[in-house]
Amino acid sequence: MSGVSIRVELDAVVAEVGRWGFGYLTTVSDDGRPHLLALTPTAVDGGSPTLRFDAGGGRACRNASTRPHVAVMFPPAPHSDGFSLVLDGTATVDGSFVDVEITSALLHRPAP
């Protein structure tokens, strides 16, 4: 089973994220390059799974304001058997915070 990625149901994402700690919020800069910021998210109460990142109001906020399609990658953790948790989402910026509404999630297979 370790050779394949595993889909995570959206209604399980928030509980799953709580097991991982920090993740890399990935936005896209004006010149098309990725920008990664290591942060620990908090869950936002509401209808769809949403994570809040305190991005400090810097580049990640500027990037997400103009290019809201983002990704979050949680590196392998002791409990994950080498899997990484990867989330795709749509970002909105609220002051220094980036809120990411999760649109898909998977446990990405370990490196060979």
N, C-alpha and C. Protein backbone atom coordinates (compact mmCIF):
# COMPACT_ATOMS: atom_id res chain seq x y z
N MET A 1 0.81 -1.20 0.00
CA MET A 1 0.00 0.00 0.00
C MET A 1 0.86 1.27 0.00
N SER A 2 2.15 1.19 0.37
CA SER A 2 2.97 2.39 0.46
C SER A 2 3.37 2.94 -0.91
N GLY A 3 3.07 2.25 -2.01
CA GLY A 3 3.45 2.71 -3.33
C GLY A 3 2.41 3.57 -4.01
N VAL A 4 1.29 3.87 -3.35
CA VAL A 4 0.23 4.65 -3.97
C VAL A 4 -0.17 5.80 -3.05
N SER A 5 -0.72 6.85 -3.66
CA SER A 5 -1.27 7.94 -2.87
C SER A 5 -2.69 7.58 -2.46
N ILE A 6 -3.13 8.14 -1.34
CA ILE A 6 -4.44 7.81 -0.77
C ILE A 6 -5.25 9.09 -0.63
N ARG A 7 -6.41 9.10 -1.22
CA ARG A 7 -7.30 10.26 -1.11
C ARG A 7 -7.80 10.41 0.33
N VAL A 8 -7.88 11.64 0.80
CA VAL A 8 -8.44 11.94 2.11
C VAL A 8 -9.77 12.66 1.89
N GLU A 9 -10.83 12.16 2.50
CA GLU A 9 -12.14 12.79 2.36
C GLU A 9 -12.11 14.18 2.99
N LEU A 10 -12.79 15.14 2.35
CA LEU A 10 -12.75 16.51 2.83
C LEU A 10 -13.28 16.66 4.26
N ASP A 11 -14.28 15.85 4.63
CA ASP A 11 -14.81 15.98 5.99
C ASP A 11 -13.85 15.44 7.05
N ALA A 12 -12.76 14.81 6.64
CA ALA A 12 -11.75 14.30 7.57
C ALA A 12 -10.48 15.15 7.60
N VAL A 13 -10.41 16.17 6.74
CA VAL A 13 -9.17 16.93 6.59
C VAL A 13 -8.76 17.64 7.88
N VAL A 14 -9.68 18.34 8.52
CA VAL A 14 -9.33 19.12 9.71
C VAL A 14 -8.79 18.21 10.80
N ALA A 15 -9.43 17.07 11.03
CA ALA A 15 -8.94 16.14 12.04
C ALA A 15 -7.57 15.59 11.65
N GLU A 16 -7.38 15.33 10.38
CA GLU A 16 -6.09 14.81 9.90
C GLU A 16 -4.98 15.84 10.08
N VAL A 17 -5.26 17.08 9.76
CA VAL A 17 -4.26 18.15 9.89
C VAL A 17 -3.79 18.27 11.34
N GLY A 18 -4.69 18.08 12.28
CA GLY A 18 -4.33 18.17 13.69
C GLY A 18 -3.25 17.20 14.11
N ARG A 19 -3.03 16.16 13.35
CA ARG A 19 -2.02 15.15 13.66
C ARG A 19 -0.64 15.50 13.08
N TRP A 20 -0.54 16.53 12.26
CA TRP A 20 0.68 16.78 11.49
C TRP A 20 1.54 17.92 11.99
N GLY A 21 0.98 18.88 12.70
CA GLY A 21 1.79 20.02 13.13
C GLY A 21 1.94 21.04 12.02
N PHE A 22 3.17 21.37 11.67
CA PHE A 22 3.38 22.43 10.67
C PHE A 22 3.30 21.91 9.25
N GLY A 23 3.01 22.84 8.36
CA GLY A 23 2.99 22.54 6.94
C GLY A 23 3.55 23.70 6.16
N TYR A 24 3.82 23.49 4.89
CA TYR A 24 4.33 24.53 4.01
C TYR A 24 3.18 25.09 3.18
N LEU A 25 2.82 26.34 3.43
CA LEU A 25 1.85 27.04 2.60
C LEU A 25 2.58 27.49 1.34
N THR A 26 2.09 27.07 0.19
CA THR A 26 2.75 27.37 -1.08
C THR A 26 1.88 28.30 -1.90
N THR A 27 2.41 29.48 -2.19
CA THR A 27 1.74 30.45 -3.04
C THR A 27 2.62 30.67 -4.27
N VAL A 28 2.11 31.47 -5.21
CA VAL A 28 2.86 31.75 -6.44
C VAL A 28 3.15 33.23 -6.53
N SER A 29 4.43 33.57 -6.72
CA SER A 29 4.89 34.96 -6.81
C SER A 29 4.53 35.57 -8.17
N ASP A 30 4.70 36.88 -8.28
CA ASP A 30 4.40 37.60 -9.52
C ASP A 30 5.15 37.02 -10.71
N ASP A 31 6.38 36.53 -10.48
CA ASP A 31 7.18 36.01 -11.59
C ASP A 31 6.94 34.52 -11.84
N GLY A 32 5.94 33.94 -11.16
CA GLY A 32 5.58 32.54 -11.39
C GLY A 32 6.32 31.54 -10.53
N ARG A 33 7.23 32.01 -9.69
CA ARG A 33 7.97 31.08 -8.82
C ARG A 33 7.16 30.75 -7.57
N PRO A 34 7.31 29.53 -7.07
CA PRO A 34 6.61 29.18 -5.83
C PRO A 34 7.25 29.87 -4.63
N HIS A 35 6.44 30.17 -3.65
CA HIS A 35 6.89 30.74 -2.39
C HIS A 35 6.35 29.84 -1.28
N LEU A 36 7.26 29.30 -0.46
CA LEU A 36 6.89 28.41 0.64
C LEU A 36 7.09 29.11 1.97
N LEU A 37 6.15 28.87 2.87
CA LEU A 37 6.21 29.44 4.21
C LEU A 37 5.79 28.35 5.19
N ALA A 38 6.68 27.98 6.10
CA ALA A 38 6.39 26.94 7.09
C ALA A 38 5.56 27.55 8.22
N LEU A 39 4.35 27.01 8.43
CA LEU A 39 3.43 27.53 9.44
C LEU A 39 2.60 26.41 10.04
N THR A 40 2.08 26.66 11.23
CA THR A 40 1.14 25.73 11.85
C THR A 40 -0.26 26.33 11.74
N PRO A 41 -1.17 25.69 11.00
CA PRO A 41 -2.49 26.26 10.81
C PRO A 41 -3.43 25.98 11.98
N THR A 42 -4.50 26.74 12.01
CA THR A 42 -5.62 26.44 12.90
C THR A 42 -6.85 26.24 12.03
N ALA A 43 -7.78 25.46 12.54
CA ALA A 43 -9.02 25.21 11.80
C ALA A 43 -9.97 26.39 11.98
N VAL A 44 -10.71 26.70 10.92
CA VAL A 44 -11.72 27.75 10.97
C VAL A 44 -13.08 27.06 11.00
N ASP A 45 -13.89 27.43 11.97
CA ASP A 45 -15.24 26.86 12.05
C ASP A 45 -16.06 27.35 10.87
N GLY A 46 -16.82 26.43 10.30
CA GLY A 46 -17.65 26.79 9.16
C GLY A 46 -18.07 25.55 8.41
N GLY A 47 -18.71 25.75 7.28
CA GLY A 47 -19.26 24.64 6.52
C GLY A 47 -18.23 23.79 5.81
N SER A 48 -17.25 24.41 5.17
CA SER A 48 -16.27 23.64 4.42
C SER A 48 -14.95 23.65 5.18
N PRO A 49 -14.11 22.62 4.97
CA PRO A 49 -12.84 22.58 5.71
C PRO A 49 -11.94 23.74 5.30
N THR A 50 -11.59 24.56 6.28
CA THR A 50 -10.77 25.74 6.04
C THR A 50 -9.70 25.82 7.11
N LEU A 51 -8.49 26.13 6.66
CA LEU A 51 -7.36 26.30 7.57
C LEU A 51 -6.91 27.75 7.54
N ARG A 52 -6.53 28.25 8.70
CA ARG A 52 -6.05 29.64 8.82
C ARG A 52 -4.56 29.61 9.15
N PHE A 53 -3.81 30.41 8.37
CA PHE A 53 -2.37 30.55 8.56
C PHE A 53 -2.06 32.00 8.91
N ASP A 54 -1.32 32.23 9.99
CA ASP A 54 -0.86 33.56 10.33
C ASP A 54 0.40 33.82 9.53
N ALA A 55 0.22 34.42 8.35
CA ALA A 55 1.32 34.62 7.41
C ALA A 55 2.06 35.93 7.63
N GLY A 56 1.66 36.70 8.62
CA GLY A 56 2.39 37.91 8.95
C GLY A 56 2.18 39.08 8.00
N GLY A 57 1.27 38.92 7.06
CA GLY A 57 0.97 40.02 6.15
C GLY A 57 1.98 40.25 5.05
N GLY A 58 2.92 39.33 4.85
CA GLY A 58 3.98 39.52 3.87
C GLY A 58 3.67 38.97 2.50
N ARG A 59 4.71 38.39 1.90
CA ARG A 59 4.62 37.91 0.52
C ARG A 59 3.52 36.88 0.31
N ALA A 60 3.34 35.96 1.25
CA ALA A 60 2.29 34.94 1.08
C ALA A 60 0.91 35.60 0.97
N CYS A 61 0.68 36.64 1.76
CA CYS A 61 -0.60 37.36 1.68
C CYS A 61 -0.74 38.08 0.33
N ARG A 62 0.32 38.74 -0.10
CA ARG A 62 0.26 39.43 -1.39
C ARG A 62 0.02 38.43 -2.52
N ASN A 63 0.75 37.32 -2.50
CA ASN A 63 0.59 36.30 -3.55
C ASN A 63 -0.82 35.74 -3.56
N ALA A 64 -1.33 35.37 -2.39
CA ALA A 64 -2.65 34.74 -2.30
C ALA A 64 -3.76 35.71 -2.69
N SER A 65 -3.54 37.00 -2.49
CA SER A 65 -4.55 37.99 -2.88
C SER A 65 -4.76 38.02 -4.38
N THR A 66 -3.69 37.83 -5.14
CA THR A 66 -3.79 37.92 -6.59
C THR A 66 -3.85 36.57 -7.28
N ARG A 67 -3.35 35.54 -6.64
CA ARG A 67 -3.38 34.18 -7.20
C ARG A 67 -3.83 33.24 -6.08
N PRO A 68 -5.16 33.06 -5.93
CA PRO A 68 -5.70 32.36 -4.76
C PRO A 68 -5.57 30.83 -4.77
N HIS A 69 -5.14 30.24 -5.87
CA HIS A 69 -4.96 28.79 -5.88
C HIS A 69 -3.65 28.47 -5.18
N VAL A 70 -3.73 27.75 -4.06
CA VAL A 70 -2.56 27.47 -3.23
C VAL A 70 -2.51 25.97 -2.93
N ALA A 71 -1.38 25.57 -2.38
CA ALA A 71 -1.21 24.19 -1.91
C ALA A 71 -0.57 24.25 -0.53
N VAL A 72 -0.84 23.22 0.25
CA VAL A 72 -0.22 23.07 1.56
C VAL A 72 0.34 21.66 1.62
N MET A 73 1.61 21.55 2.02
CA MET A 73 2.23 20.23 2.13
C MET A 73 2.76 20.05 3.55
N PHE A 74 2.31 18.98 4.18
CA PHE A 74 2.79 18.58 5.49
C PHE A 74 3.78 17.44 5.28
N PRO A 75 5.05 17.63 5.64
CA PRO A 75 6.05 16.60 5.39
C PRO A 75 5.78 15.35 6.22
N PRO A 76 6.40 14.24 5.85
CA PRO A 76 6.19 13.00 6.62
C PRO A 76 6.40 13.23 8.11
N ALA A 77 5.53 12.62 8.88
CA ALA A 77 5.57 12.72 10.35
C ALA A 77 5.81 11.33 10.92
N PRO A 78 6.19 11.23 12.18
CA PRO A 78 6.46 9.90 12.76
C PRO A 78 5.31 8.90 12.60
N HIS A 79 4.07 9.38 12.60
CA HIS A 79 2.92 8.48 12.51
C HIS A 79 2.55 8.11 11.06
N SER A 80 3.21 8.71 10.06
CA SER A 80 2.68 8.66 8.69
C SER A 80 3.27 7.59 7.78
N ASP A 81 4.16 6.75 8.29
CA ASP A 81 4.78 5.72 7.45
C ASP A 81 5.40 6.29 6.18
N GLY A 82 5.93 7.50 6.26
CA GLY A 82 6.59 8.11 5.12
C GLY A 82 5.70 8.92 4.21
N PHE A 83 4.39 8.90 4.43
CA PHE A 83 3.46 9.67 3.61
C PHE A 83 3.53 11.15 3.98
N SER A 84 3.29 12.01 3.00
CA SER A 84 3.10 13.45 3.21
C SER A 84 1.62 13.76 3.01
N LEU A 85 1.11 14.72 3.73
CA LEU A 85 -0.27 15.18 3.52
C LEU A 85 -0.21 16.39 2.61
N VAL A 86 -0.92 16.32 1.47
CA VAL A 86 -0.91 17.39 0.48
C VAL A 86 -2.34 17.88 0.28
N LEU A 87 -2.52 19.20 0.39
CA LEU A 87 -3.84 19.81 0.26
C LEU A 87 -3.81 20.85 -0.85
N ASP A 88 -4.86 20.91 -1.65
CA ASP A 88 -5.06 21.99 -2.60
C ASP A 88 -6.21 22.82 -2.08
N GLY A 89 -6.18 24.12 -2.34
CA GLY A 89 -7.26 24.95 -1.85
C GLY A 89 -7.30 26.31 -2.51
N THR A 90 -8.30 27.07 -2.07
CA THR A 90 -8.50 28.43 -2.54
C THR A 90 -8.33 29.35 -1.35
N ALA A 91 -7.45 30.33 -1.51
CA ALA A 91 -7.10 31.22 -0.41
C ALA A 91 -7.87 32.53 -0.46
N THR A 92 -8.15 33.04 0.74
CA THR A 92 -8.62 34.41 0.91
C THR A 92 -7.72 35.03 1.97
N VAL A 93 -7.50 36.32 1.86
CA VAL A 93 -6.61 37.01 2.79
C VAL A 93 -7.45 37.91 3.69
N ASP A 94 -7.17 37.82 4.99
CA ASP A 94 -7.85 38.61 6.00
C ASP A 94 -6.77 39.26 6.87
N GLY A 95 -6.35 40.46 6.49
CA GLY A 95 -5.25 41.12 7.21
C GLY A 95 -3.96 40.36 7.02
N SER A 96 -3.39 39.86 8.12
CA SER A 96 -2.14 39.10 8.04
C SER A 96 -2.37 37.60 7.94
N PHE A 97 -3.62 37.19 7.82
CA PHE A 97 -3.97 35.78 7.77
C PHE A 97 -4.33 35.34 6.36
N VAL A 98 -3.96 34.10 6.04
CA VAL A 98 -4.40 33.46 4.81
C VAL A 98 -5.29 32.30 5.21
N ASP A 99 -6.55 32.36 4.79
CA ASP A 99 -7.49 31.26 5.02
C ASP A 99 -7.56 30.42 3.76
N VAL A 100 -7.40 29.12 3.92
CA VAL A 100 -7.39 28.21 2.77
C VAL A 100 -8.58 27.27 2.88
N GLU A 101 -9.52 27.41 1.96
CA GLU A 101 -10.63 26.46 1.86
C GLU A 101 -10.12 25.26 1.07
N ILE A 102 -10.11 24.12 1.70
CA ILE A 102 -9.53 22.92 1.09
C ILE A 102 -10.47 22.38 0.01
N THR A 103 -9.91 22.11 -1.16
CA THR A 103 -10.70 21.57 -2.27
C THR A 103 -10.35 20.11 -2.57
N SER A 104 -9.15 19.68 -2.18
CA SER A 104 -8.78 18.27 -2.33
C SER A 104 -7.64 17.96 -1.37
N ALA A 105 -7.53 16.69 -1.01
CA ALA A 105 -6.50 16.27 -0.05
C ALA A 105 -6.08 14.85 -0.34
N LEU A 106 -4.79 14.58 -0.13
CA LEU A 106 -4.32 13.21 -0.27
C LEU A 106 -3.09 12.98 0.58
N LEU A 107 -2.89 11.72 0.91
CA LEU A 107 -1.65 11.29 1.52
C LEU A 107 -0.77 10.85 0.35
N HIS A 108 0.31 11.60 0.13
CA HIS A 108 1.18 11.33 -1.02
C HIS A 108 2.17 10.23 -0.66
N ARG A 109 2.32 9.32 -1.57
CA ARG A 109 3.15 8.14 -1.35
C ARG A 109 4.57 8.52 -0.93
N PRO A 110 5.20 7.68 -0.15
CA PRO A 110 6.59 7.93 0.26
C PRO A 110 7.54 7.89 -0.94
N ALA A 111 8.65 8.55 -0.78
CA ALA A 111 9.68 8.51 -1.82
C ALA A 111 10.18 7.08 -1.96
N PRO A 112 10.54 6.69 -3.21
CA PRO A 112 11.03 5.31 -3.39
C PRO A 112 12.36 5.08 -2.70
